[in-house]
Amino acid sequence: MAMKLSRKFLNPVLVLAGGLTLVSGLYLFFHLKSRPIVLIHEWSSIIFVVACAAHLALNWNSLFKSLGSRAVAWTLLAVVLLFGLGMAFTDIKTDHRPRQRIVDDRRPAAEVQAPASGLPGVPPGI
């Protein structure tokens, strides 16, 4: 009975947390970034991972039966954990800003220095 209550609680949590993570991830992918979106994405992702782990623990025997052998299940679990640890300990910091321009064409022409003397923007004698 306790397992059915856990599944009745766990499945909606998985769907809700997964949906929130998906939608907020799309917002972030398309650079519609705001503090509430980032917070929703981070917290729903944490809840989703915890709920997935609980779901896996509840359905462990079914997983073994469906994969055919325990070796396949343990290998799959090891691969997933290694990828998860790899993502957790990877330090990727990018803010997706465009690269800096060599010449900022928004400045007035008089401020842009020319490469040789005698050209506009360069004082004579240099």
N, C-alpha and C. Protein backbone atom coordinates (compact mmCIF):
# COMPACT_ATOMS: atom_id res chain seq x y z
N MET A 1 0.82 -1.20 0.00
CA MET A 1 0.00 0.00 0.00
C MET A 1 0.86 1.26 0.00
N ALA A 2 1.94 1.23 0.74
CA ALA A 2 2.82 2.40 0.81
C ALA A 2 3.44 2.70 -0.54
N MET A 3 3.75 1.63 -1.32
CA MET A 3 4.36 1.84 -2.63
C MET A 3 3.37 2.53 -3.57
N LYS A 4 2.09 2.13 -3.52
CA LYS A 4 1.10 2.77 -4.38
C LYS A 4 0.92 4.24 -4.01
N LEU A 5 0.94 4.54 -2.71
CA LEU A 5 0.84 5.94 -2.29
C LEU A 5 2.06 6.72 -2.76
N SER A 6 3.23 6.10 -2.70
CA SER A 6 4.44 6.78 -3.14
C SER A 6 4.39 7.04 -4.64
N ARG A 7 3.92 6.05 -5.41
CA ARG A 7 3.83 6.24 -6.85
C ARG A 7 2.76 7.28 -7.21
N LYS A 8 1.66 7.29 -6.45
CA LYS A 8 0.62 8.29 -6.70
C LYS A 8 1.14 9.70 -6.43
N PHE A 9 2.03 9.83 -5.50
CA PHE A 9 2.62 11.13 -5.20
C PHE A 9 3.77 11.44 -6.14
N LEU A 10 4.58 10.43 -6.44
CA LEU A 10 5.81 10.63 -7.19
C LEU A 10 5.58 10.94 -8.67
N ASN A 11 4.64 10.28 -9.28
CA ASN A 11 4.41 10.50 -10.72
C ASN A 11 3.99 11.94 -11.03
N PRO A 12 3.05 12.54 -10.31
CA PRO A 12 2.74 13.95 -10.59
C PRO A 12 3.92 14.89 -10.32
N VAL A 13 4.71 14.57 -9.30
CA VAL A 13 5.89 15.40 -9.02
C VAL A 13 6.87 15.32 -10.18
N LEU A 14 7.08 14.12 -10.71
CA LEU A 14 7.97 13.95 -11.87
C LEU A 14 7.46 14.74 -13.08
N VAL A 15 6.17 14.64 -13.35
CA VAL A 15 5.61 15.34 -14.51
C VAL A 15 5.70 16.85 -14.32
N LEU A 16 5.35 17.35 -13.15
CA LEU A 16 5.38 18.79 -12.90
C LEU A 16 6.80 19.34 -12.92
N ALA A 17 7.71 18.68 -12.21
CA ALA A 17 9.10 19.16 -12.17
C ALA A 17 9.76 19.04 -13.53
N GLY A 18 9.49 17.95 -14.24
CA GLY A 18 10.05 17.79 -15.58
C GLY A 18 9.52 18.83 -16.55
N GLY A 19 8.22 19.10 -16.46
CA GLY A 19 7.62 20.13 -17.33
C GLY A 19 8.18 21.52 -17.05
N LEU A 20 8.30 21.86 -15.77
CA LEU A 20 8.87 23.17 -15.42
C LEU A 20 10.32 23.29 -15.88
N THR A 21 11.08 22.21 -15.72
CA THR A 21 12.47 22.22 -16.17
C THR A 21 12.54 22.38 -17.69
N LEU A 22 11.67 21.69 -18.39
CA LEU A 22 11.65 21.78 -19.85
C LEU A 22 11.31 23.19 -20.32
N VAL A 23 10.23 23.74 -19.80
CA VAL A 23 9.78 25.06 -20.25
C VAL A 23 10.80 26.14 -19.87
N SER A 24 11.29 26.11 -18.64
CA SER A 24 12.27 27.13 -18.24
C SER A 24 13.58 26.95 -19.00
N GLY A 25 13.92 25.70 -19.33
CA GLY A 25 15.11 25.46 -20.14
C GLY A 25 14.97 26.04 -21.54
N LEU A 26 13.78 25.95 -22.10
CA LEU A 26 13.55 26.58 -23.42
C LEU A 26 13.66 28.10 -23.34
N TYR A 27 13.13 28.68 -22.27
CA TYR A 27 13.29 30.12 -22.08
C TYR A 27 14.77 30.49 -22.03
N LEU A 28 15.55 29.75 -21.28
CA LEU A 28 16.97 30.04 -21.16
C LEU A 28 17.70 29.79 -22.46
N PHE A 29 17.30 28.77 -23.21
CA PHE A 29 17.93 28.47 -24.49
C PHE A 29 17.74 29.62 -25.47
N PHE A 30 16.58 30.22 -25.45
CA PHE A 30 16.30 31.34 -26.35
C PHE A 30 16.64 32.69 -25.73
N HIS A 31 17.47 32.69 -24.69
CA HIS A 31 18.01 33.89 -24.05
C HIS A 31 16.93 34.80 -23.47
N LEU A 32 15.85 34.23 -22.99
CA LEU A 32 14.81 34.98 -22.29
C LEU A 32 15.07 34.80 -20.79
N LYS A 33 16.22 35.29 -20.38
CA LYS A 33 16.74 35.01 -19.05
C LYS A 33 16.30 36.09 -18.07
N SER A 34 15.74 35.65 -16.95
CA SER A 34 15.43 36.54 -15.84
C SER A 34 15.68 35.77 -14.56
N ARG A 35 15.78 36.47 -13.47
CA ARG A 35 16.08 35.82 -12.19
C ARG A 35 15.02 34.78 -11.82
N PRO A 36 13.71 35.07 -11.95
CA PRO A 36 12.72 34.04 -11.62
C PRO A 36 12.82 32.79 -12.50
N ILE A 37 13.10 32.97 -13.78
CA ILE A 37 13.23 31.83 -14.69
C ILE A 37 14.41 30.95 -14.27
N VAL A 38 15.52 31.58 -13.94
CA VAL A 38 16.70 30.82 -13.51
C VAL A 38 16.41 30.06 -12.22
N LEU A 39 15.75 30.71 -11.27
CA LEU A 39 15.41 30.05 -10.01
C LEU A 39 14.45 28.88 -10.22
N ILE A 40 13.43 29.09 -11.05
CA ILE A 40 12.49 28.01 -11.35
C ILE A 40 13.22 26.85 -11.99
N HIS A 41 14.12 27.15 -12.93
CA HIS A 41 14.85 26.09 -13.63
C HIS A 41 15.74 25.31 -12.66
N GLU A 42 16.46 26.02 -11.82
CA GLU A 42 17.38 25.35 -10.90
C GLU A 42 16.64 24.48 -9.90
N TRP A 43 15.60 25.02 -9.25
CA TRP A 43 14.89 24.28 -8.22
C TRP A 43 14.06 23.13 -8.79
N SER A 44 13.42 23.37 -9.93
CA SER A 44 12.65 22.27 -10.52
C SER A 44 13.57 21.16 -11.01
N SER A 45 14.77 21.50 -11.44
CA SER A 45 15.74 20.48 -11.85
C SER A 45 16.18 19.64 -10.66
N ILE A 46 16.42 20.29 -9.53
CA ILE A 46 16.82 19.56 -8.33
C ILE A 46 15.69 18.62 -7.88
N ILE A 47 14.48 19.13 -7.87
CA ILE A 47 13.32 18.31 -7.49
C ILE A 47 13.16 17.15 -8.47
N PHE A 48 13.36 17.41 -9.75
CA PHE A 48 13.22 16.37 -10.77
C PHE A 48 14.26 15.26 -10.57
N VAL A 49 15.50 15.63 -10.30
CA VAL A 49 16.55 14.62 -10.09
C VAL A 49 16.26 13.78 -8.86
N VAL A 50 15.83 14.41 -7.77
CA VAL A 50 15.50 13.67 -6.55
C VAL A 50 14.31 12.74 -6.80
N ALA A 51 13.30 13.23 -7.50
CA ALA A 51 12.13 12.40 -7.80
C ALA A 51 12.51 11.24 -8.74
N CYS A 52 13.41 11.48 -9.68
CA CYS A 52 13.87 10.40 -10.56
C CYS A 52 14.60 9.32 -9.77
N ALA A 53 15.43 9.75 -8.83
CA ALA A 53 16.14 8.77 -8.00
C ALA A 53 15.16 7.95 -7.16
N ALA A 54 14.15 8.60 -6.60
CA ALA A 54 13.14 7.88 -5.81
C ALA A 54 12.35 6.94 -6.71
N HIS A 55 12.01 7.38 -7.90
CA HIS A 55 11.28 6.54 -8.86
C HIS A 55 12.10 5.31 -9.24
N LEU A 56 13.39 5.52 -9.47
CA LEU A 56 14.28 4.41 -9.79
C LEU A 56 14.36 3.43 -8.63
N ALA A 57 14.44 3.95 -7.40
CA ALA A 57 14.51 3.07 -6.23
C ALA A 57 13.22 2.26 -6.07
N LEU A 58 12.08 2.88 -6.33
CA LEU A 58 10.81 2.17 -6.21
C LEU A 58 10.63 1.09 -7.28
N ASN A 59 11.19 1.32 -8.45
CA ASN A 59 10.99 0.42 -9.58
C ASN A 59 12.24 -0.37 -9.94
N TRP A 60 13.12 -0.57 -8.97
CA TRP A 60 14.39 -1.23 -9.20
C TRP A 60 14.21 -2.64 -9.76
N ASN A 61 13.34 -3.43 -9.16
CA ASN A 61 13.14 -4.81 -9.62
C ASN A 61 12.55 -4.85 -11.03
N SER A 62 11.64 -3.96 -11.32
CA SER A 62 11.05 -3.90 -12.66
C SER A 62 12.11 -3.52 -13.70
N LEU A 63 13.02 -2.64 -13.31
CA LEU A 63 14.10 -2.23 -14.22
C LEU A 63 14.98 -3.44 -14.56
N PHE A 64 15.35 -4.22 -13.55
CA PHE A 64 16.16 -5.40 -13.80
C PHE A 64 15.45 -6.38 -14.72
N LYS A 65 14.17 -6.58 -14.49
CA LYS A 65 13.41 -7.53 -15.31
C LYS A 65 13.30 -7.07 -16.76
N SER A 66 13.11 -5.78 -16.97
CA SER A 66 12.92 -5.28 -18.33
C SER A 66 14.23 -5.22 -19.12
N LEU A 67 15.36 -5.04 -18.44
CA LEU A 67 16.64 -4.97 -19.14
C LEU A 67 17.23 -6.35 -19.42
N GLY A 68 16.72 -7.35 -18.79
CA GLY A 68 17.16 -8.71 -19.10
C GLY A 68 18.19 -9.27 -18.14
N SER A 69 19.13 -8.47 -17.70
CA SER A 69 20.13 -8.98 -16.77
C SER A 69 20.60 -7.86 -15.85
N ARG A 70 21.11 -8.25 -14.72
CA ARG A 70 21.61 -7.27 -13.76
C ARG A 70 22.85 -6.56 -14.28
N ALA A 71 23.67 -7.25 -15.07
CA ALA A 71 24.89 -6.63 -15.61
C ALA A 71 24.54 -5.44 -16.51
N VAL A 72 23.52 -5.60 -17.34
CA VAL A 72 23.10 -4.50 -18.22
C VAL A 72 22.58 -3.33 -17.38
N ALA A 73 21.79 -3.63 -16.36
CA ALA A 73 21.23 -2.57 -15.51
C ALA A 73 22.34 -1.83 -14.77
N TRP A 74 23.30 -2.56 -14.20
CA TRP A 74 24.39 -1.89 -13.49
C TRP A 74 25.27 -1.08 -14.44
N THR A 75 25.49 -1.58 -15.64
CA THR A 75 26.28 -0.83 -16.62
C THR A 75 25.57 0.45 -17.00
N LEU A 76 24.28 0.36 -17.26
CA LEU A 76 23.50 1.55 -17.59
C LEU A 76 23.51 2.56 -16.46
N LEU A 77 23.34 2.10 -15.25
CA LEU A 77 23.37 2.98 -14.09
C LEU A 77 24.73 3.65 -13.94
N ALA A 78 25.81 2.90 -14.14
CA ALA A 78 27.16 3.46 -14.03
C ALA A 78 27.40 4.54 -15.08
N VAL A 79 26.94 4.30 -16.30
CA VAL A 79 27.11 5.29 -17.37
C VAL A 79 26.34 6.57 -17.03
N VAL A 80 25.11 6.43 -16.58
CA VAL A 80 24.30 7.60 -16.23
C VAL A 80 24.96 8.38 -15.08
N LEU A 81 25.45 7.67 -14.07
CA LEU A 81 26.10 8.34 -12.95
C LEU A 81 27.39 9.04 -13.38
N LEU A 82 28.17 8.41 -14.25
CA LEU A 82 29.39 9.05 -14.73
C LEU A 82 29.10 10.32 -15.52
N PHE A 83 28.09 10.27 -16.37
CA PHE A 83 27.70 11.47 -17.11
C PHE A 83 27.21 12.55 -16.15
N GLY A 84 26.42 12.15 -15.16
CA GLY A 84 25.94 13.12 -14.18
C GLY A 84 27.06 13.76 -13.39
N LEU A 85 28.02 12.95 -12.95
CA LEU A 85 29.17 13.50 -12.23
C LEU A 85 30.01 14.39 -13.14
N GLY A 86 30.14 13.99 -14.39
CA GLY A 86 30.89 14.82 -15.34
C GLY A 86 30.25 16.19 -15.52
N MET A 87 28.93 16.22 -15.59
CA MET A 87 28.25 17.51 -15.73
C MET A 87 28.33 18.31 -14.44
N ALA A 88 28.26 17.63 -13.30
CA ALA A 88 28.28 18.34 -12.02
C ALA A 88 29.63 19.00 -11.75
N PHE A 89 30.70 18.37 -12.20
CA PHE A 89 32.02 18.90 -11.90
C PHE A 89 32.67 19.63 -13.07
N THR A 90 31.92 19.89 -14.11
CA THR A 90 32.41 20.66 -15.24
C THR A 90 32.09 22.12 -15.00
N ASP A 91 33.08 22.96 -15.14
CA ASP A 91 32.89 24.38 -14.90
C ASP A 91 32.75 25.10 -16.24
N ILE A 92 31.53 25.23 -16.69
CA ILE A 92 31.27 25.93 -17.95
C ILE A 92 30.62 27.25 -17.60
N LYS A 93 31.33 28.32 -17.90
CA LYS A 93 30.78 29.66 -17.65
C LYS A 93 30.76 30.42 -18.97
N THR A 94 29.60 30.60 -19.49
CA THR A 94 29.44 31.36 -20.72
C THR A 94 28.21 32.22 -20.59
N ASP A 95 28.32 33.43 -21.07
CA ASP A 95 27.17 34.32 -21.01
C ASP A 95 26.66 34.63 -22.41
N HIS A 96 27.21 33.95 -23.41
CA HIS A 96 26.74 34.04 -24.79
C HIS A 96 26.73 35.47 -25.32
N ARG A 97 27.72 36.26 -24.92
CA ARG A 97 27.83 37.60 -25.47
C ARG A 97 28.52 37.53 -26.83
N PRO A 98 28.16 38.44 -27.74
CA PRO A 98 28.86 38.43 -29.03
C PRO A 98 30.32 38.82 -28.84
N ARG A 99 31.14 38.35 -29.73
CA ARG A 99 32.57 38.65 -29.63
C ARG A 99 32.81 40.15 -29.78
N GLN A 100 33.90 40.61 -29.14
CA GLN A 100 34.23 42.03 -29.20
C GLN A 100 34.67 42.40 -30.61
N ARG A 101 34.20 43.52 -31.08
CA ARG A 101 34.56 43.96 -32.41
C ARG A 101 35.96 44.55 -32.42
N ILE A 102 36.65 44.41 -33.54
CA ILE A 102 37.97 45.01 -33.66
C ILE A 102 37.83 46.52 -33.73
N VAL A 103 36.92 47.00 -34.54
CA VAL A 103 36.63 48.42 -34.63
C VAL A 103 35.17 48.59 -34.28
N ASP A 104 34.92 49.44 -33.31
CA ASP A 104 33.55 49.70 -32.90
C ASP A 104 32.98 50.76 -33.83
N ASP A 105 32.15 50.38 -34.78
CA ASP A 105 31.66 51.32 -35.77
C ASP A 105 30.55 52.21 -35.23
N ARG A 106 30.26 52.11 -33.94
CA ARG A 106 29.27 53.01 -33.36
C ARG A 106 29.90 54.32 -32.91
N ARG A 107 31.24 54.35 -32.83
CA ARG A 107 31.91 55.59 -32.43
C ARG A 107 31.99 56.54 -33.62
N PRO A 108 32.05 57.85 -33.35
CA PRO A 108 32.23 58.80 -34.46
C PRO A 108 33.56 58.54 -35.17
N ALA A 109 33.59 58.87 -36.45
CA ALA A 109 34.78 58.59 -37.26
C ALA A 109 36.02 59.31 -36.74
N ALA A 110 35.88 60.48 -36.12
CA ALA A 110 37.04 61.22 -35.63
C ALA A 110 37.73 60.48 -34.48
N GLU A 111 37.02 59.63 -33.76
CA GLU A 111 37.61 58.91 -32.64
C GLU A 111 38.32 57.63 -33.08
N VAL A 112 38.02 57.16 -34.26
CA VAL A 112 38.64 55.94 -34.74
C VAL A 112 40.00 56.28 -35.30
N GLN A 113 41.04 55.63 -34.78
CA GLN A 113 42.38 55.94 -35.24
C GLN A 113 42.67 55.20 -36.54
N ALA A 114 43.24 55.91 -37.48
CA ALA A 114 43.58 55.31 -38.76
C ALA A 114 44.94 54.63 -38.65
N PRO A 115 45.22 53.66 -39.50
CA PRO A 115 46.46 52.91 -39.38
C PRO A 115 47.71 53.67 -39.84
N ALA A 116 47.57 54.73 -40.63
CA ALA A 116 48.73 55.49 -41.11
C ALA A 116 48.43 56.97 -41.02
N SER A 117 49.53 57.80 -40.97
CA SER A 117 49.32 59.25 -40.89
C SER A 117 48.82 59.78 -42.23
N GLY A 118 48.23 60.97 -42.18
CA GLY A 118 47.68 61.57 -43.38
C GLY A 118 46.26 61.15 -43.64
N LEU A 119 45.74 60.27 -42.84
CA LEU A 119 44.36 59.85 -42.99
C LEU A 119 43.49 60.56 -41.96
N PRO A 120 42.21 60.66 -42.20
CA PRO A 120 41.33 61.33 -41.26
C PRO A 120 41.41 60.67 -39.87
N GLY A 121 41.41 61.49 -38.85
CA GLY A 121 41.44 61.00 -37.50
C GLY A 121 42.85 60.86 -36.92
N VAL A 122 43.89 61.12 -37.75
CA VAL A 122 45.26 61.02 -37.27
C VAL A 122 45.90 62.40 -37.35
N PRO A 123 46.43 62.88 -36.23
CA PRO A 123 47.08 64.19 -36.27
C PRO A 123 48.30 64.15 -37.19
N PRO A 124 48.55 65.28 -37.88
CA PRO A 124 49.72 65.31 -38.77
C PRO A 124 51.02 65.15 -37.99
N GLY A 125 52.01 64.56 -38.63
CA GLY A 125 53.32 64.39 -38.01
C GLY A 125 53.47 63.10 -37.24
N ILE A 126 52.49 62.27 -37.24
CA ILE A 126 52.64 61.00 -36.53
C ILE A 126 52.89 59.90 -37.51
